[in-house]
Amino acid sequence: MSHGFLPSTETRMRRAVAMVRLYMRDYGHLNRLIEGEESDDRMIAWAILDTIEDFNVSPPHVGTFGIDNFPSTSLVREGAVARLLQSVSILATRNYINFSDGGTSVSFTANIPLIQRMSEMLMNSYEQKKMQLKVAMNIESGWGGGFHSDYALLGMGGLAGGFYGRW
């Protein structure tokens, strides 16, 4: 799987794709209703990048992150899985068919509501955690450096020898 990233970034993306696949249990031998894996590596990588982009453009702006320096692995995983389930739901809705013959009814992709609920649940959780993380990062950046109160000048030999001058 080559996405054109730098070697270290490509390794991290490969690991992130594997993590998302493991979380979803999307392996051919575990999928009983479809043959093979439901989402290929390219689709999972897209969901990861889409999650990172969403984090970067959502306010409050706390910096720009990539796969190399994203602040929360679990947040990327949750956002990517929610996006993958949205995509699966779109595909299932497009391919929905009800079939009835001789008193027997079969509904292909009848699990659409289940997939949609799971996607909504994960997306709501992702959005809440994203906002909590961004607010915490924003507060931390404010406290960690930058502006201080005037009390910082007391006794520190700051401007013109401190507030009370030199002792």
Foldseek 3Di string as FASTA:
>chain_A
DDPPDPPVLVVLLVVLLVVLCVVVVQAQVPDDPDGGGPDDSVLLSVQLQVQLVCLCPDPPHLDHDDSVPDPDSVLSSLSSNLVVLVVVLVVLVVVWDWDDDPRDIDTGSPCSVVSNVSSVVSVVVSVVVSVVVNVVSVVCVVVVDDDDDLVVQDPPLPPQGGPVHPD
